[in-house]
């Protein structure tokens, strides 16, 4: 028995297409432009801006994980007087027009719970840290001005000497003095020095040394007479591979940072 095929109903298809089109446009019409300003601030410091490569900002839908916007903060570290010296009054702005930020612009048709992640500083990858929070965004309700400020704790430690995988030779007396130098700043690049605004005299700066993979010694680093630079001397008497790990710690704020280098003695 042959079954009669149902005739193609063009009118019905056209009605469905029109319905879906109207639904799509009505949803789009309900969407409202919504702006969110995001900034990253170093703990005990200023904003992380262009001078440190900025921070990567990623906005995701908290439920689906869909990336809604991403970018890098740009601008200055902000006003030192406002951020670090004068008392901060409730409601008073911390940022000015030049302060580093990233502005995300979203089209929202309904309230959305958003996860915001910042990672940086991008110009000093060995010190890169990530901070995350969540907030509700409402259609057309902008979060501007200071915006959302996330904190990045830590120090940027950059070992300057010895250079990575540098080869050195023992002297005729089988002794060698290896100078150790490191640069230490806050995550914003804010300078450190004794009695300065960021007072390094309270910091614990230490180099831990391994020889052929085994612990050898530890020594303190002292201010080198140049802003943010600290130094020490390592006495070496054996050939082999050396690894130096420099750490910085502030017992008041809890800021800490680490960087390492290696050298070879022949």
C-alpha atoms as a PDB file:
ATOM      1  CA  UNK A   1       0.000   0.000   0.000  1.00  0.00           C
ATOM      2  CA  UNK A   2       1.469   3.308  -1.035  1.00  0.00           C
ATOM      3  CA  UNK A   3       1.460   6.172   1.426  1.00  0.00           C
ATOM      4  CA  UNK A   4       0.555   9.563   0.090  1.00  0.00           C
ATOM      5  CA  UNK A   5       3.285  12.101   0.920  1.00  0.00           C
ATOM      6  CA  UNK A   6       2.198  15.221   2.709  1.00  0.00           C
ATOM      7  CA  UNK A   7       2.199  18.244   0.347  1.00  0.00           C
ATOM      8  CA  UNK A   8       4.901  20.867   1.025  1.00  0.00           C
ATOM      9  CA  UNK A   9       3.269  23.745   2.906  1.00  0.00           C
ATOM     10  CA  UNK A  10       5.204  26.873   1.842  1.00  0.00           C
ATOM     11  CA  UNK A  11       2.869  29.157   3.742  1.00  0.00           C
ATOM     12  CA  UNK A  12       3.522  27.296   6.976  1.00  0.00           C
ATOM     13  CA  UNK A  13       7.285  27.469   6.473  1.00  0.00           C
ATOM     14  CA  UNK A  14       7.125  31.190   5.801  1.00  0.00           C
ATOM     15  CA  UNK A  15       5.080  31.767   8.971  1.00  0.00           C
ATOM     16  CA  UNK A  16       7.704  29.870  11.008  1.00  0.00           C
ATOM     17  CA  UNK A  17      10.544  31.883   9.502  1.00  0.00           C
ATOM     18  CA  UNK A  18       8.759  35.140  10.234  1.00  0.00           C
ATOM     19  CA  UNK A  19       8.080  34.034  13.811  1.00  0.00           C
ATOM     20  CA  UNK A  20      11.722  33.144  14.470  1.00  0.00           C
ATOM     21  CA  UNK A  21      12.906  36.377  12.862  1.00  0.00           C
ATOM     22  CA  UNK A  22      10.569  38.430  15.035  1.00  0.00           C
ATOM     23  CA  UNK A  23      11.736  36.521  18.112  1.00  0.00           C
ATOM     24  CA  UNK A  24      15.384  37.140  17.233  1.00  0.00           C
ATOM     25  CA  UNK A  25      14.879  40.850  16.662  1.00  0.00           C
ATOM     26  CA  UNK A  26      12.798  41.243  19.802  1.00  0.00           C
ATOM     27  CA  UNK A  27      15.568  39.627  21.867  1.00  0.00           C
ATOM     28  CA  UNK A  28      18.174  41.898  20.250  1.00  0.00           C
ATOM     29  CA  UNK A  29      15.997  44.917  20.859  1.00  0.00           C
ATOM     30  CA  UNK A  30      15.858  44.095  24.555  1.00  0.00           C
ATOM     31  CA  UNK A  31      19.664  43.912  24.814  1.00  0.00           C
ATOM     32  CA  UNK A  32      21.297  46.994  26.317  1.00  0.00           C
ATOM     33  CA  UNK A  33      24.916  48.130  26.053  1.00  0.00           C
ATOM     34  CA  UNK A  34      26.597  47.590  29.410  1.00  0.00           C
ATOM     35  CA  UNK A  35      30.104  48.793  30.248  1.00  0.00           C
ATOM     36  CA  UNK A  36      32.439  47.428  32.918  1.00  0.00           C
ATOM     37  CA  UNK A  37      35.762  49.064  33.826  1.00  0.00           C
ATOM     38  CA  UNK A  38      38.333  46.650  35.253  1.00  0.00           C
ATOM     39  CA  UNK A  39      41.577  47.630  36.986  1.00  0.00           C
ATOM     40  CA  UNK A  40      44.346  45.696  38.748  1.00  0.00           C
ATOM     41  CA  UNK A  41      46.141  47.175  41.743  1.00  0.00           C
ATOM     42  CA  UNK A  42      49.290  45.905  43.400  1.00  0.00           C
ATOM     43  CA  UNK A  43      48.949  45.103  47.083  1.00  0.00           C
ATOM     44  CA  UNK A  44      50.397  48.073  49.011  1.00  0.00           C
ATOM     45  CA  UNK A  45      50.938  49.760  45.659  1.00  0.00           C
ATOM     46  CA  UNK A  46      49.398  51.391  42.616  1.00  0.00           C
ATOM     47  CA  UNK A  47      47.655  50.275  39.433  1.00  0.00           C
ATOM     48  CA  UNK A  48      49.361  47.821  37.081  1.00  0.00           C
ATOM     49  CA  UNK A  49      49.623  49.727  33.822  1.00  0.00           C
ATOM     50  CA  UNK A  50      51.421  50.020  30.521  1.00  0.00           C
ATOM     51  CA  UNK A  51      54.851  50.427  32.156  1.00  0.00           C
ATOM     52  CA  UNK A  52      54.600  46.802  33.377  1.00  0.00           C
ATOM     53  CA  UNK A  53      52.885  45.458  30.252  1.00  0.00           C
ATOM     54  CA  UNK A  54      49.455  45.719  31.865  1.00  0.00           C
ATOM     55  CA  UNK A  55      47.367  42.736  32.926  1.00  0.00           C
ATOM     56  CA  UNK A  56      45.251  40.383  30.849  1.00  0.00           C
ATOM     57  CA  UNK A  57      41.534  40.734  31.636  1.00  0.00           C
ATOM     58  CA  UNK A  58      39.045  37.983  30.763  1.00  0.00           C
ATOM     59  CA  UNK A  59      35.285  38.125  31.379  1.00  0.00           C
ATOM     60  CA  UNK A  60      33.361  34.835  31.322  1.00  0.00           C
ATOM     61  CA  UNK A  61      29.754  33.833  31.811  1.00  0.00           C
ATOM     62  CA  UNK A  62      29.831  32.272  35.292  1.00  0.00           C
ATOM     63  CA  UNK A  63      27.500  29.418  34.307  1.00  0.00           C
ATOM     64  CA  UNK A  64      28.617  28.432  30.805  1.00  0.00           C
ATOM     65  CA  UNK A  65      32.247  29.593  30.895  1.00  0.00           C
ATOM     66  CA  UNK A  66      31.732  31.449  27.610  1.00  0.00           C
ATOM     67  CA  UNK A  67      34.255  34.253  27.101  1.00  0.00           C
ATOM     68  CA  UNK A  68      32.325  37.512  26.879  1.00  0.00           C
ATOM     69  CA  UNK A  69      35.254  39.949  26.508  1.00  0.00           C
ATOM     70  CA  UNK A  70      39.010  40.104  26.936  1.00  0.00           C
ATOM     71  CA  UNK A  71      41.805  42.645  26.686  1.00  0.00           C
ATOM     72  CA  UNK A  72      44.773  44.245  28.428  1.00  0.00           C
ATOM     73  CA  UNK A  73      44.804  47.162  30.841  1.00  0.00           C
ATOM     74  CA  UNK A  74      46.543  50.298  29.594  1.00  0.00           C
ATOM     75  CA  UNK A  75      47.413  53.590  31.203  1.00  0.00           C
ATOM     76  CA  UNK A  76      49.435  54.969  34.091  1.00  0.00           C
ATOM     77  CA  UNK A  77      49.987  53.587  37.587  1.00  0.00           C
ATOM     78  CA  UNK A  78      47.814  56.373  38.973  1.00  0.00           C
ATOM     79  CA  UNK A  79      48.302  59.282  41.345  1.00  0.00           C
ATOM     80  CA  UNK A  80      50.782  58.489  44.142  1.00  0.00           C
ATOM     81  CA  UNK A  81      49.326  61.142  46.441  1.00  0.00           C
ATOM     82  CA  UNK A  82      45.792  59.767  46.078  1.00  0.00           C
ATOM     83  CA  UNK A  83      46.699  56.082  46.282  1.00  0.00           C
ATOM     84  CA  UNK A  84      49.519  56.013  48.827  1.00  0.00           C
ATOM     85  CA  UNK A  85      49.652  59.166  50.933  1.00  0.00           C
ATOM     86  CA  UNK A  86      46.361  60.889  51.624  1.00  0.00           C
ATOM     87  CA  UNK A  87      43.635  59.228  53.761  1.00  0.00           C
ATOM     88  CA  UNK A  88      41.095  57.431  51.600  1.00  0.00           C
ATOM     89  CA  UNK A  89      37.593  58.767  52.195  1.00  0.00           C
ATOM     90  CA  UNK A  90      34.645  56.512  51.507  1.00  0.00           C
ATOM     91  CA  UNK A  91      33.301  57.143  48.012  1.00  0.00           C
ATOM     92  CA  UNK A  92      36.253  59.271  46.925  1.00  0.00           C
ATOM     93  CA  UNK A  93      37.673  58.124  43.556  1.00  0.00           C
ATOM     94  CA  UNK A  94      41.017  56.335  43.533  1.00  0.00           C
ATOM     95  CA  UNK A  95      41.593  56.451  39.775  1.00  0.00           C
ATOM     96  CA  UNK A  96      41.956  59.423  37.478  1.00  0.00           C
ATOM     97  CA  UNK A  97      41.485  59.636  33.700  1.00  0.00           C
ATOM     98  CA  UNK A  98      44.974  58.301  32.966  1.00  0.00           C
ATOM     99  CA  UNK A  99      44.923  55.375  35.420  1.00  0.00           C
ATOM    100  CA  UNK A 100      45.321  51.958  33.815  1.00  0.00           C
ATOM    101  CA  UNK A 101      42.102  50.144  32.958  1.00  0.00           C
ATOM    102  CA  UNK A 102      40.319  47.852  30.527  1.00  0.00           C
ATOM    103  CA  UNK A 103      36.744  48.667  29.508  1.00  0.00           C
ATOM    104  CA  UNK A 104      34.519  45.785  28.434  1.00  0.00           C
ATOM    105  CA  UNK A 105      31.327  46.577  26.518  1.00  0.00           C
ATOM    106  CA  UNK A 106      28.653  43.879  26.565  1.00  0.00           C
ATOM    107  CA  UNK A 107      25.159  43.661  25.093  1.00  0.00           C
ATOM    108  CA  UNK A 108      22.982  42.210  27.839  1.00  0.00           C
ATOM    109  CA  UNK A 109      19.317  41.274  27.564  1.00  0.00           C
ATOM    110  CA  UNK A 110      19.086  39.983  31.136  1.00  0.00           C
ATOM    111  CA  UNK A 111      21.112  39.995  34.376  1.00  0.00           C
ATOM    112  CA  UNK A 112      24.296  37.968  34.041  1.00  0.00           C
ATOM    113  CA  UNK A 113      26.689  36.623  36.647  1.00  0.00           C
ATOM    114  CA  UNK A 114      30.173  37.281  35.291  1.00  0.00           C
ATOM    115  CA  UNK A 115      33.548  35.891  36.340  1.00  0.00           C
ATOM    116  CA  UNK A 116      36.347  38.457  35.994  1.00  0.00           C
ATOM    117  CA  UNK A 117      39.979  37.305  35.876  1.00  0.00           C
ATOM    118  CA  UNK A 118      43.111  39.454  35.743  1.00  0.00           C
ATOM    119  CA  UNK A 119      46.626  38.069  35.188  1.00  0.00           C
ATOM    120  CA  UNK A 120      49.853  40.040  35.178  1.00  0.00           C
ATOM    121  CA  UNK A 121      52.119  41.899  35.024  1.00  0.00           C
ATOM    122  CA  UNK A 122      52.572  40.759  31.430  1.00  0.00           C
ATOM    123  CA  UNK A 123      56.040  42.310  31.012  1.00  0.00           C
ATOM    124  CA  UNK A 124      57.419  40.229  33.911  1.00  0.00           C
ATOM    125  CA  UNK A 125      56.118  36.706  33.312  1.00  0.00           C
ATOM    126  CA  UNK A 126      58.175  35.167  36.119  1.00  0.00           C
ATOM    127  CA  UNK A 127      56.083  37.217  38.560  1.00  0.00           C
ATOM    128  CA  UNK A 128      52.702  36.711  36.861  1.00  0.00           C
ATOM    129  CA  UNK A 129      49.803  36.217  39.274  1.00  0.00           C
ATOM    130  CA  UNK A 130      46.064  35.805  38.782  1.00  0.00           C
ATOM    131  CA  UNK A 131      43.163  37.265  40.719  1.00  0.00           C
ATOM    132  CA  UNK A 132      39.491  36.358  40.151  1.00  0.00           C
ATOM    133  CA  UNK A 133      36.115  37.561  41.351  1.00  0.00           C
ATOM    134  CA  UNK A 134      32.464  37.513  40.276  1.00  0.00           C
ATOM    135  CA  UNK A 135      29.742  40.122  39.998  1.00  0.00           C
ATOM    136  CA  UNK A 136      26.266  40.544  38.600  1.00  0.00           C
ATOM    137  CA  UNK A 137      25.929  42.804  35.580  1.00  0.00           C
ATOM    138  CA  UNK A 138      22.507  44.284  34.837  1.00  0.00           C
ATOM    139  CA  UNK A 139      21.491  45.431  31.334  1.00  0.00           C
ATOM    140  CA  UNK A 140      22.370  49.074  30.809  1.00  0.00           C
ATOM    141  CA  UNK A 141      23.753  49.504  34.336  1.00  0.00           C
ATOM    142  CA  UNK A 142      27.383  50.536  33.823  1.00  0.00           C
ATOM    143  CA  UNK A 143      30.177  49.916  36.327  1.00  0.00           C
ATOM    144  CA  UNK A 144      32.532  52.798  35.579  1.00  0.00           C
ATOM    145  CA  UNK A 145      34.633  55.348  37.456  1.00  0.00           C
ATOM    146  CA  UNK A 146      37.000  53.284  39.588  1.00  0.00           C
ATOM    147  CA  UNK A 147      35.117  50.273  38.253  1.00  0.00           C
ATOM    148  CA  UNK A 148      36.053  46.843  39.528  1.00  0.00           C
ATOM    149  CA  UNK A 149      39.502  46.797  41.184  1.00  0.00           C
ATOM    150  CA  UNK A 150      41.221  43.443  41.706  1.00  0.00           C
ATOM    151  CA  UNK A 151      44.313  43.128  43.879  1.00  0.00           C
ATOM    152  CA  UNK A 152      47.547  41.442  42.811  1.00  0.00           C
ATOM    153  CA  UNK A 153      49.756  40.578  45.802  1.00  0.00           C
ATOM    154  CA  UNK A 154      53.482  39.969  45.464  1.00  0.00           C
ATOM    155  CA  UNK A 155      56.825  41.326  44.329  1.00  0.00           C
ATOM    156  CA  UNK A 156      58.413  41.305  40.901  1.00  0.00           C
ATOM    157  CA  UNK A 157      61.843  39.744  41.436  1.00  0.00           C
ATOM    158  CA  UNK A 158      64.225  39.784  38.475  1.00  0.00           C
ATOM    159  CA  UNK A 159      67.672  38.191  38.877  1.00  0.00           C
ATOM    160  CA  UNK A 160      70.182  40.326  36.972  1.00  0.00           C
ATOM    161  CA  UNK A 161      73.478  38.590  37.792  1.00  0.00           C
ATOM    162  CA  UNK A 162      74.655  35.976  37.061  1.00  0.00           C
ATOM    163  CA  UNK A 163      73.045  35.747  33.633  1.00  0.00           C
ATOM    164  CA  UNK A 164      71.101  32.600  32.790  1.00  0.00           C
ATOM    165  CA  UNK A 165      73.388  29.616  32.110  1.00  0.00           C
ATOM    166  CA  UNK A 166      76.502  31.782  32.340  1.00  0.00           C
ATOM    167  CA  UNK A 167      79.850  29.912  32.281  1.00  0.00           C
ATOM    168  CA  UNK A 168      82.475  30.938  34.844  1.00  0.00           C
ATOM    169  CA  UNK A 169      85.979  29.626  35.621  1.00  0.00           C
ATOM    170  CA  UNK A 170      87.678  28.908  38.917  1.00  0.00           C
ATOM    171  CA  UNK A 171      90.851  30.866  39.596  1.00  0.00           C
ATOM    172  CA  UNK A 172      94.274  29.347  40.074  1.00  0.00           C
ATOM    173  CA  UNK A 173      93.617  29.115  43.804  1.00  0.00           C
ATOM    174  CA  UNK A 174      90.407  27.158  43.068  1.00  0.00           C
ATOM    175  CA  UNK A 175      88.299  30.019  44.379  1.00  0.00           C
ATOM    176  CA  UNK A 176      85.714  32.217  42.706  1.00  0.00           C
ATOM    177  CA  UNK A 177      83.524  35.050  43.977  1.00  0.00           C
ATOM    178  CA  UNK A 178      80.241  35.274  42.082  1.00  0.00           C
ATOM    179  CA  UNK A 179      78.319  38.562  42.404  1.00  0.00           C
ATOM    180  CA  UNK A 180      74.558  38.194  42.846  1.00  0.00           C
ATOM    181  CA  UNK A 181      72.252  41.063  41.865  1.00  0.00           C
ATOM    182  CA  UNK A 182      68.478  41.243  41.677  1.00  0.00           C
ATOM    183  CA  UNK A 183      65.852  43.881  40.952  1.00  0.00           C
ATOM    184  CA  UNK A 184      62.815  43.965  43.282  1.00  0.00           C
ATOM    185  CA  UNK A 185      59.684  46.054  42.727  1.00  0.00           C
ATOM    186  CA  UNK A 186      56.002  45.815  43.555  1.00  0.00           C
ATOM    187  CA  UNK A 187      53.665  44.334  40.942  1.00  0.00           C
ATOM    188  CA  UNK A 188      52.976  47.853  39.677  1.00  0.00           C
ATOM    189  CA  UNK A 189      56.698  48.496  39.180  1.00  0.00           C
ATOM    190  CA  UNK A 190      56.741  50.774  42.222  1.00  0.00           C
ATOM    191  CA  UNK A 191      60.389  51.205  43.348  1.00  0.00           C
ATOM    192  CA  UNK A 192      61.845  49.797  46.551  1.00  0.00           C
ATOM    193  CA  UNK A 193      64.673  51.248  48.641  1.00  0.00           C
ATOM    194  CA  UNK A 194      65.544  51.813  52.310  1.00  0.00           C
ATOM    195  CA  UNK A 195      63.451  54.596  53.893  1.00  0.00           C
ATOM    196  CA  UNK A 196      61.550  55.041  50.621  1.00  0.00           C
ATOM    197  CA  UNK A 197      57.789  55.062  50.127  1.00  0.00           C
ATOM    198  CA  UNK A 198      58.165  51.293  49.690  1.00  0.00           C
ATOM    199  CA  UNK A 199      60.701  50.737  52.449  1.00  0.00           C
ATOM    200  CA  UNK A 200      62.959  47.785  51.644  1.00  0.00           C
ATOM    201  CA  UNK A 201      64.615  47.942  55.071  1.00  0.00           C
ATOM    202  CA  UNK A 202      61.769  45.784  56.419  1.00  0.00           C
ATOM    203  CA  UNK A 203      61.950  43.256  53.550  1.00  0.00           C
ATOM    204  CA  UNK A 204      63.632  39.868  53.814  1.00  0.00           C
ATOM    205  CA  UNK A 205      65.785  39.386  50.689  1.00  0.00           C
ATOM    206  CA  UNK A 206      67.542  36.064  50.410  1.00  0.00           C
ATOM    207  CA  UNK A 207      69.412  33.923  47.864  1.00  0.00           C
ATOM    208  CA  UNK A 208      69.252  30.140  48.189  1.00  0.00           C
ATOM    209  CA  UNK A 209      71.950  28.246  46.294  1.00  0.00           C
ATOM    210  CA  UNK A 210      72.091  24.648  45.075  1.00  0.00           C
ATOM    211  CA  UNK A 211      75.167  22.886  43.695  1.00  0.00           C
ATOM    212  CA  UNK A 212      74.530  19.986  41.309  1.00  0.00           C
ATOM    213  CA  UNK A 213      70.977  19.828  42.576  1.00  0.00           C
ATOM    214  CA  UNK A 214      71.857  19.712  46.288  1.00  0.00           C
ATOM    215  CA  UNK A 215      71.389  22.546  48.844  1.00  0.00           C
ATOM    216  CA  UNK A 216      74.611  24.493  49.324  1.00  0.00           C
ATOM    217  CA  UNK A 217      74.046  27.750  51.205  1.00  0.00           C
ATOM    218  CA  UNK A 218      71.829  30.772  51.841  1.00  0.00           C
ATOM    219  CA  UNK A 219      72.815  34.428  51.998  1.00  0.00           C
ATOM    220  CA  UNK A 220      71.085  37.761  52.438  1.00  0.00           C
ATOM    221  CA  UNK A 221      71.000  40.443  49.763  1.00  0.00           C
ATOM    222  CA  UNK A 222      71.611  44.081  50.703  1.00  0.00           C
ATOM    223  CA  UNK A 223      70.654  47.343  49.025  1.00  0.00           C
ATOM    224  CA  UNK A 224      73.112  48.024  46.190  1.00  0.00           C
ATOM    225  CA  UNK A 225      72.836  51.831  46.281  1.00  0.00           C
ATOM    226  CA  UNK A 226      70.585  51.854  43.228  1.00  0.00           C
ATOM    227  CA  UNK A 227      66.789  52.001  43.422  1.00  0.00           C
ATOM    228  CA  UNK A 228      65.196  48.527  43.553  1.00  0.00           C
ATOM    229  CA  UNK A 229      68.586  46.776  43.211  1.00  0.00           C
ATOM    230  CA  UNK A 230      70.008  44.385  45.797  1.00  0.00           C
ATOM    231  CA  UNK A 231      73.245  42.387  45.855  1.00  0.00           C
ATOM    232  CA  UNK A 232      75.377  39.810  47.595  1.00  0.00           C
ATOM    233  CA  UNK A 233      78.476  37.681  46.979  1.00  0.00           C
ATOM    234  CA  UNK A 234      78.723  33.924  46.674  1.00  0.00           C
ATOM    235  CA  UNK A 235      82.017  32.150  47.309  1.00  0.00           C
ATOM    236  CA  UNK A 236      82.463  29.132  45.011  1.00  0.00           C
ATOM    237  CA  UNK A 237      85.182  26.500  45.292  1.00  0.00           C
ATOM    238  CA  UNK A 238      83.865  23.621  43.172  1.00  0.00           C
ATOM    239  CA  UNK A 239      83.051  23.028  39.533  1.00  0.00           C
ATOM    240  CA  UNK A 240      79.552  22.103  38.494  1.00  0.00           C
ATOM    241  CA  UNK A 241      76.059  23.476  37.944  1.00  0.00           C
ATOM    242  CA  UNK A 242      74.665  26.088  40.337  1.00  0.00           C
ATOM    243  CA  UNK A 243      71.084  27.245  40.787  1.00  0.00           C
ATOM    244  CA  UNK A 244      70.296  30.512  42.565  1.00  0.00           C
ATOM    245  CA  UNK A 245      66.772  31.290  43.795  1.00  0.00           C
ATOM    246  CA  UNK A 246      66.166  34.829  45.048  1.00  0.00           C
ATOM    247  CA  UNK A 247      63.163  35.481  47.294  1.00  0.00           C
ATOM    248  CA  UNK A 248      61.694  38.720  48.613  1.00  0.00           C
ATOM    249  CA  UNK A 249      59.216  38.918  51.506  1.00  0.00           C
ATOM    250  CA  UNK A 250      57.479  41.757  53.319  1.00  0.00           C
ATOM    251  CA  UNK A 251      56.309  40.603  56.777  1.00  0.00           C
ATOM    252  CA  UNK A 252      53.937  43.575  57.041  1.00  0.00           C
ATOM    253  CA  UNK A 253      51.892  43.069  53.851  1.00  0.00           C
ATOM    254  CA  UNK A 254      52.692  39.434  53.081  1.00  0.00           C
ATOM    255  CA  UNK A 255      53.968  40.367  49.632  1.00  0.00           C
ATOM    256  CA  UNK A 256      56.420  37.771  48.289  1.00  0.00           C
ATOM    257  CA  UNK A 257      58.256  37.170  45.023  1.00  0.00           C
ATOM    258  CA  UNK A 258      60.671  34.656  43.520  1.00  0.00           C
ATOM    259  CA  UNK A 259      63.045  34.391  40.566  1.00  0.00           C
ATOM    260  CA  UNK A 260      65.830  31.968  39.683  1.00  0.00           C
ATOM    261  CA  UNK A 261      68.923  31.676  37.502  1.00  0.00           C
ATOM    262  CA  UNK A 262      71.611  29.092  36.849  1.00  0.00           C
ATOM    263  CA  UNK A 263      75.338  29.236  36.096  1.00  0.00           C
ATOM    264  CA  UNK A 264      78.070  26.728  35.437  1.00  0.00           C
ATOM    265  CA  UNK A 265      81.571  26.739  36.931  1.00  0.00           C
ATOM    266  CA  UNK A 266      84.322  25.064  34.887  1.00  0.00           C
END
